[in-house]
């Protein structure tokens, strides 16, 4: 059975899928992995994988109500 390119809820995403889900470039995720501050990810050998629910948690943890509010 062939896997779908779009990830259902709870699925594991590769960098391209995670970037698409976040609406950013894969390069930004690569930079965040090096500098820190991005969504949690797992390294499986040379593979980088993101849990969709971890990305959602990272978004929630970085929500702010105004531009004057400090980010966590």
PDB file of N, CA and C in Angstrom:
ATOM      1  N   UNK A   1       0.840  -1.172   0.000  1.00  0.00           N
ATOM      2  CA  UNK A   1       0.000   0.000   0.000  1.00  0.00           C
ATOM      3  C   UNK A   1       0.893   1.245   0.000  1.00  0.00           C
ATOM      4  N   UNK A   2       0.590   2.180  -0.863  1.00  0.00           N
ATOM      5  CA  UNK A   2       1.384   3.393  -1.008  1.00  0.00           C
ATOM      6  C   UNK A   2       0.951   4.432   0.005  1.00  0.00           C
ATOM      7  N   UNK A   3       1.916   5.151   0.602  1.00  0.00           N
ATOM      8  CA  UNK A   3       1.611   6.196   1.587  1.00  0.00           C
ATOM      9  C   UNK A   3       1.233   7.481   0.886  1.00  0.00           C
ATOM     10  N   UNK A   4       0.325   8.201   1.494  1.00  0.00           N
ATOM     11  CA  UNK A   4      -0.097   9.492   0.978  1.00  0.00           C
ATOM     12  C   UNK A   4       0.970  10.536   1.248  1.00  0.00           C
ATOM     13  N   UNK A   5       1.081  11.537   0.385  1.00  0.00           N
ATOM     14  CA  UNK A   5       2.036  12.627   0.590  1.00  0.00           C
ATOM     15  C   UNK A   5       1.548  13.596   1.657  1.00  0.00           C
ATOM     16  N   UNK A   6       0.251  13.723   1.852  1.00  0.00           N
ATOM     17  CA  UNK A   6      -0.249  14.589   2.925  1.00  0.00           C
ATOM     18  C   UNK A   6      -0.369  13.750   4.188  1.00  0.00           C
ATOM     19  N   UNK A   7      -0.094  14.367   5.318  1.00  0.00           N
ATOM     20  CA  UNK A   7      -0.018  13.627   6.577  1.00  0.00           C
ATOM     21  C   UNK A   7      -1.291  13.787   7.389  1.00  0.00           C
ATOM     22  N   UNK A   8      -1.942  12.686   7.722  1.00  0.00           N
ATOM     23  CA  UNK A   8      -3.093  12.763   8.612  1.00  0.00           C
ATOM     24  C   UNK A   8      -2.662  13.142  10.031  1.00  0.00           C
ATOM     25  N   UNK A   9      -3.615  13.525  10.855  1.00  0.00           N
ATOM     26  CA  UNK A   9      -3.317  13.910  12.241  1.00  0.00           C
ATOM     27  C   UNK A   9      -2.586  12.774  12.938  1.00  0.00           C
ATOM     28  N   UNK A  10      -1.552  13.145  13.714  1.00  0.00           N
ATOM     29  CA  UNK A  10      -0.790  12.155  14.469  1.00  0.00           C
ATOM     30  C   UNK A  10       0.328  11.504  13.682  1.00  0.00           C
ATOM     31  N   UNK A  11       0.512  11.900  12.457  1.00  0.00           N
ATOM     32  CA  UNK A  11       1.530  11.271  11.620  1.00  0.00           C
ATOM     33  C   UNK A  11       2.901  11.914  11.832  1.00  0.00           C
ATOM     34  N   UNK A  12       3.899  11.190  11.390  1.00  0.00           N
ATOM     35  CA  UNK A  12       5.277  11.667  11.417  1.00  0.00           C
ATOM     36  C   UNK A  12       5.549  12.360  10.076  1.00  0.00           C
ATOM     37  N   UNK A  13       6.162  13.545  10.144  1.00  0.00           N
ATOM     38  CA  UNK A  13       6.419  14.337   8.946  1.00  0.00           C
ATOM     39  C   UNK A  13       7.907  14.452   8.678  1.00  0.00           C
ATOM     40  N   UNK A  14       8.280  14.464   7.406  1.00  0.00           N
ATOM     41  CA  UNK A  14       9.660  14.789   7.066  1.00  0.00           C
ATOM     42  C   UNK A  14       9.788  16.310   7.018  1.00  0.00           C
ATOM     43  N   UNK A  15      10.965  16.819   6.717  1.00  0.00           N
ATOM     44  CA  UNK A  15      11.195  18.263   6.761  1.00  0.00           C
ATOM     45  C   UNK A  15      10.322  19.017   5.763  1.00  0.00           C
ATOM     46  N   UNK A  16      10.194  18.504   4.555  1.00  0.00           N
ATOM     47  CA  UNK A  16       9.374  19.173   3.533  1.00  0.00           C
ATOM     48  C   UNK A  16       7.910  19.210   3.969  1.00  0.00           C
ATOM     49  N   UNK A  17       7.399  18.099   4.482  1.00  0.00           N
ATOM     50  CA  UNK A  17       6.009  18.049   4.942  1.00  0.00           C
ATOM     51  C   UNK A  17       5.787  18.980   6.128  1.00  0.00           C
ATOM     52  N   UNK A  18       6.754  19.006   7.063  1.00  0.00           N
ATOM     53  CA  UNK A  18       6.635  19.886   8.236  1.00  0.00           C
ATOM     54  C   UNK A  18       6.642  21.347   7.806  1.00  0.00           C
ATOM     55  N   UNK A  19       7.508  21.689   6.867  1.00  0.00           N
ATOM     56  CA  UNK A  19       7.566  23.066   6.370  1.00  0.00           C
ATOM     57  C   UNK A  19       6.252  23.445   5.691  1.00  0.00           C
ATOM     58  N   UNK A  20       5.723  22.550   4.897  1.00  0.00           N
ATOM     59  CA  UNK A  20       4.438  22.803   4.233  1.00  0.00           C
ATOM     60  C   UNK A  20       3.345  23.003   5.275  1.00  0.00           C
ATOM     61  N   UNK A  21       3.334  22.165   6.300  1.00  0.00           N
ATOM     62  CA  UNK A  21       2.331  22.270   7.369  1.00  0.00           C
ATOM     63  C   UNK A  21       2.435  23.614   8.090  1.00  0.00           C
ATOM     64  N   UNK A  22       3.666  24.085   8.315  1.00  0.00           N
ATOM     65  CA  UNK A  22       3.890  25.353   9.009  1.00  0.00           C
ATOM     66  C   UNK A  22       3.768  26.562   8.079  1.00  0.00           C
ATOM     67  N   UNK A  23       3.842  26.326   6.777  1.00  0.00           N
ATOM     68  CA  UNK A  23       3.795  27.432   5.828  1.00  0.00           C
ATOM     69  C   UNK A  23       5.110  28.190   5.762  1.00  0.00           C
ATOM     70  N   UNK A  24       6.213  27.461   5.923  1.00  0.00           N
ATOM     71  CA  UNK A  24       7.539  28.082   5.857  1.00  0.00           C
ATOM     72  C   UNK A  24       8.408  27.260   4.919  1.00  0.00           C
ATOM     73  N   UNK A  25       9.631  27.697   4.728  1.00  0.00           N
ATOM     74  CA  UNK A  25      10.553  26.952   3.872  1.00  0.00           C
ATOM     75  C   UNK A  25      11.241  25.841   4.667  1.00  0.00           C
ATOM     76  N   UNK A  26      11.691  24.832   3.944  1.00  0.00           N
ATOM     77  CA  UNK A  26      12.444  23.768   4.616  1.00  0.00           C
ATOM     78  C   UNK A  26      13.777  24.318   5.120  1.00  0.00           C
ATOM     79  N   UNK A  27      14.303  25.337   4.445  1.00  0.00           N
ATOM     80  CA  UNK A  27      15.546  25.951   4.881  1.00  0.00           C
ATOM     81  C   UNK A  27      15.397  26.593   6.255  1.00  0.00           C
ATOM     82  N   UNK A  28      14.232  27.213   6.519  1.00  0.00           N
ATOM     83  CA  UNK A  28      14.011  27.801   7.841  1.00  0.00           C
ATOM     84  C   UNK A  28      14.043  26.715   8.918  1.00  0.00           C
ATOM     85  N   UNK A  29      13.413  25.587   8.681  1.00  0.00           N
ATOM     86  CA  UNK A  29      13.446  24.500   9.662  1.00  0.00           C
ATOM     87  C   UNK A  29      14.875  23.993   9.866  1.00  0.00           C
ATOM     88  N   UNK A  30      15.655  23.922   8.786  1.00  0.00           N
ATOM     89  CA  UNK A  30      17.041  23.497   8.910  1.00  0.00           C
ATOM     90  C   UNK A  30      17.845  24.485   9.760  1.00  0.00           C
ATOM     91  N   UNK A  31      17.606  25.775   9.564  1.00  0.00           N
ATOM     92  CA  UNK A  31      18.288  26.805  10.361  1.00  0.00           C
ATOM     93  C   UNK A  31      17.871  26.693  11.826  1.00  0.00           C
ATOM     94  N   UNK A  32      16.577  26.509  12.075  1.00  0.00           N
ATOM     95  CA  UNK A  32      16.092  26.391  13.458  1.00  0.00           C
ATOM     96  C   UNK A  32      16.657  25.152  14.139  1.00  0.00           C
ATOM     97  N   UNK A  33      16.877  24.076  13.398  1.00  0.00           N
ATOM     98  CA  UNK A  33      17.480  22.878  13.987  1.00  0.00           C
ATOM     99  C   UNK A  33      18.906  23.173  14.447  1.00  0.00           C
ATOM    100  N   UNK A  34      19.630  23.972  13.682  1.00  0.00           N
ATOM    101  CA  UNK A  34      21.015  24.309  14.044  1.00  0.00           C
ATOM    102  C   UNK A  34      21.084  25.317  15.185  1.00  0.00           C
ATOM    103  N   UNK A  35      20.264  26.351  15.115  1.00  0.00           N
ATOM    104  CA  UNK A  35      20.309  27.444  16.092  1.00  0.00           C
ATOM    105  C   UNK A  35      19.471  27.185  17.332  1.00  0.00           C
ATOM    106  N   UNK A  36      18.498  26.283  17.223  1.00  0.00           N
ATOM    107  CA  UNK A  36      17.561  26.047  18.317  1.00  0.00           C
ATOM    108  C   UNK A  36      16.351  26.959  18.190  1.00  0.00           C
ATOM    109  N   UNK A  37      15.334  26.657  18.966  1.00  0.00           N
ATOM    110  CA  UNK A  37      14.137  27.480  18.970  1.00  0.00           C
ATOM    111  C   UNK A  37      13.030  26.977  18.070  1.00  0.00           C
ATOM    112  N   UNK A  38      13.296  25.959  17.295  1.00  0.00           N
ATOM    113  CA  UNK A  38      12.284  25.405  16.395  1.00  0.00           C
ATOM    114  C   UNK A  38      11.493  24.289  17.051  1.00  0.00           C
ATOM    115  N   UNK A  39      10.620  23.678  16.276  1.00  0.00           N
ATOM    116  CA  UNK A  39       9.827  22.567  16.823  1.00  0.00           C
ATOM    117  C   UNK A  39      10.715  21.365  17.133  1.00  0.00           C
ATOM    118  N   UNK A  40      10.323  20.556  18.118  1.00  0.00           N
ATOM    119  CA  UNK A  40      11.085  19.351  18.439  1.00  0.00           C
ATOM    120  C   UNK A  40      11.102  18.392  17.246  1.00  0.00           C
ATOM    121  N   UNK A  41      12.203  17.684  17.098  1.00  0.00           N
ATOM    122  CA  UNK A  41      12.350  16.725  16.003  1.00  0.00           C
ATOM    123  C   UNK A  41      13.138  15.526  16.497  1.00  0.00           C
ATOM    124  N   UNK A  42      13.110  14.479  15.701  1.00  0.00           N
ATOM    125  CA  UNK A  42      13.872  13.268  16.027  1.00  0.00           C
ATOM    126  C   UNK A  42      14.838  12.984  14.890  1.00  0.00           C
ATOM    127  N   UNK A  43      16.031  12.524  15.237  1.00  0.00           N
ATOM    128  CA  UNK A  43      17.003  12.062  14.245  1.00  0.00           C
ATOM    129  C   UNK A  43      16.980  10.543  14.277  1.00  0.00           C
ATOM    130  N   UNK A  44      16.745   9.959  13.128  1.00  0.00           N
ATOM    131  CA  UNK A  44      16.753   8.504  12.980  1.00  0.00           C
ATOM    132  C   UNK A  44      17.804   8.213  11.918  1.00  0.00           C
ATOM    133  N   UNK A  45      19.005   7.942  12.365  1.00  0.00           N
ATOM    134  CA  UNK A  45      20.124   7.854  11.424  1.00  0.00           C
ATOM    135  C   UNK A  45      20.324   9.234  10.812  1.00  0.00           C
ATOM    136  N   UNK A  46      20.278   9.315   9.493  1.00  0.00           N
ATOM    137  CA  UNK A  46      20.411  10.596   8.803  1.00  0.00           C
ATOM    138  C   UNK A  46      19.055  11.279   8.601  1.00  0.00           C
ATOM    139  N   UNK A  47      17.979  10.601   8.950  1.00  0.00           N
ATOM    140  CA  UNK A  47      16.636  11.144   8.727  1.00  0.00           C
ATOM    141  C   UNK A  47      16.231  12.085   9.845  1.00  0.00           C
ATOM    142  N   UNK A  48      15.525  13.140   9.487  1.00  0.00           N
ATOM    143  CA  UNK A  48      14.944  14.072  10.459  1.00  0.00           C
ATOM    144  C   UNK A  48      13.434  13.929  10.342  1.00  0.00           C
ATOM    145  N   UNK A  49      12.776  13.747  11.483  1.00  0.00           N
ATOM    146  CA  UNK A  49      11.327  13.574  11.483  1.00  0.00           C
ATOM    147  C   UNK A  49      10.696  14.438  12.566  1.00  0.00           C
ATOM    148  N   UNK A  50       9.515  14.950  12.263  1.00  0.00           N
ATOM    149  CA  UNK A  50       8.739  15.777  13.182  1.00  0.00           C
ATOM    150  C   UNK A  50       7.409  15.084  13.455  1.00  0.00           C
ATOM    151  N   UNK A  51       6.979  15.133  14.705  1.00  0.00           N
ATOM    152  CA  UNK A  51       5.622  14.674  15.019  1.00  0.00           C
ATOM    153  C   UNK A  51       4.691  15.862  14.817  1.00  0.00           C
ATOM    154  N   UNK A  52       3.609  15.642  14.108  1.00  0.00           N
ATOM    155  CA  UNK A  52       2.661  16.718  13.851  1.00  0.00           C
ATOM    156  C   UNK A  52       2.145  17.304  15.162  1.00  0.00           C
ATOM    157  N   UNK A  53       1.874  16.455  16.142  1.00  0.00           N
ATOM    158  CA  UNK A  53       1.362  16.950  17.427  1.00  0.00           C
ATOM    159  C   UNK A  53       2.417  17.760  18.182  1.00  0.00           C
ATOM    160  N   UNK A  54       3.703  17.459  17.983  1.00  0.00           N
ATOM    161  CA  UNK A  54       4.770  18.247  18.611  1.00  0.00           C
ATOM    162  C   UNK A  54       4.866  19.628  17.965  1.00  0.00           C
ATOM    163  N   UNK A  55       4.648  19.690  16.654  1.00  0.00           N
ATOM    164  CA  UNK A  55       4.632  20.984  15.968  1.00  0.00           C
ATOM    165  C   UNK A  55       3.478  21.824  16.498  1.00  0.00           C
ATOM    166  N   UNK A  56       2.308  21.206  16.659  1.00  0.00           N
ATOM    167  CA  UNK A  56       1.145  21.928  17.202  1.00  0.00           C
ATOM    168  C   UNK A  56       1.437  22.451  18.604  1.00  0.00           C
ATOM    169  N   UNK A  57       2.108  21.648  19.429  1.00  0.00           N
ATOM    170  CA  UNK A  57       2.476  22.076  20.781  1.00  0.00           C
ATOM    171  C   UNK A  57       3.473  23.224  20.761  1.00  0.00           C
ATOM    172  N   UNK A  58       4.409  23.185  19.823  1.00  0.00           N
ATOM    173  CA  UNK A  58       5.404  24.248  19.682  1.00  0.00           C
ATOM    174  C   UNK A  58       4.720  25.555  19.268  1.00  0.00           C
ATOM    175  N   UNK A  59       3.774  25.459  18.358  1.00  0.00           N
ATOM    176  CA  UNK A  59       3.017  26.650  17.951  1.00  0.00           C
ATOM    177  C   UNK A  59       2.276  27.225  19.156  1.00  0.00           C
ATOM    178  N   UNK A  60       1.587  26.369  19.901  1.00  0.00           N
ATOM    179  CA  UNK A  60       0.825  26.818  21.069  1.00  0.00           C
ATOM    180  C   UNK A  60       1.739  27.471  22.109  1.00  0.00           C
ATOM    181  N   UNK A  61       2.920  26.917  22.300  1.00  0.00           N
ATOM    182  CA  UNK A  61       3.856  27.458  23.293  1.00  0.00           C
ATOM    183  C   UNK A  61       4.421  28.814  22.876  1.00  0.00           C
ATOM    184  N   UNK A  62       4.331  29.139  21.602  1.00  0.00           N
ATOM    185  CA  UNK A  62       4.876  30.399  21.096  1.00  0.00           C
ATOM    186  C   UNK A  62       3.808  31.431  20.769  1.00  0.00           C
ATOM    187  N   UNK A  63       2.573  31.167  21.155  1.00  0.00           N
ATOM    188  CA  UNK A  63       1.500  32.129  20.900  1.00  0.00           C
ATOM    189  C   UNK A  63       1.646  33.345  21.800  1.00  0.00           C
ATOM    190  N   UNK A  64       1.367  34.507  21.238  1.00  0.00           N
ATOM    191  CA  UNK A  64       1.364  35.761  21.985  1.00  0.00           C
ATOM    192  C   UNK A  64       0.094  36.531  21.619  1.00  0.00           C
ATOM    193  N   UNK A  65      -0.282  37.481  22.492  1.00  0.00           N
ATOM    194  CA  UNK A  65      -1.499  38.259  22.267  1.00  0.00           C
ATOM    195  C   UNK A  65      -1.231  39.601  21.615  1.00  0.00           C
ATOM    196  N   UNK A  66       0.002  40.091  21.745  1.00  0.00           N
ATOM    197  CA  UNK A  66       0.343  41.375  21.131  1.00  0.00           C
ATOM    198  C   UNK A  66       1.824  41.423  20.826  1.00  0.00           C
ATOM    199  N   UNK A  67       2.223  42.406  20.031  1.00  0.00           N
ATOM    200  CA  UNK A  67       3.639  42.529  19.673  1.00  0.00           C
ATOM    201  C   UNK A  67       4.493  42.965  20.843  1.00  0.00           C
ATOM    202  N   UNK A  68       3.873  43.558  21.877  1.00  0.00           N
ATOM    203  CA  UNK A  68       4.642  43.996  23.053  1.00  0.00           C
ATOM    204  C   UNK A  68       4.863  42.862  24.055  1.00  0.00           C
ATOM    205  N   UNK A  69       4.167  41.773  23.882  1.00  0.00           N
ATOM    206  CA  UNK A  69       4.314  40.626  24.786  1.00  0.00           C
ATOM    207  C   UNK A  69       5.586  39.874  24.451  1.00  0.00           C
ATOM    208  N   UNK A  70       6.329  39.493  25.491  1.00  0.00           N
ATOM    209  CA  UNK A  70       7.561  38.728  25.293  1.00  0.00           C
ATOM    210  C   UNK A  70       7.203  37.307  24.928  1.00  0.00           C
ATOM    211  N   UNK A  71       7.986  36.745  23.999  1.00  0.00           N
ATOM    212  CA  UNK A  71       7.799  35.348  23.629  1.00  0.00           C
ATOM    213  C   UNK A  71       8.403  34.469  24.708  1.00  0.00           C
ATOM    214  N   UNK A  72       7.812  33.287  24.901  1.00  0.00           N
ATOM    215  CA  UNK A  72       8.339  32.363  25.923  1.00  0.00           C
ATOM    216  C   UNK A  72       9.756  31.920  25.633  1.00  0.00           C
TER     217      UNK A  72
END
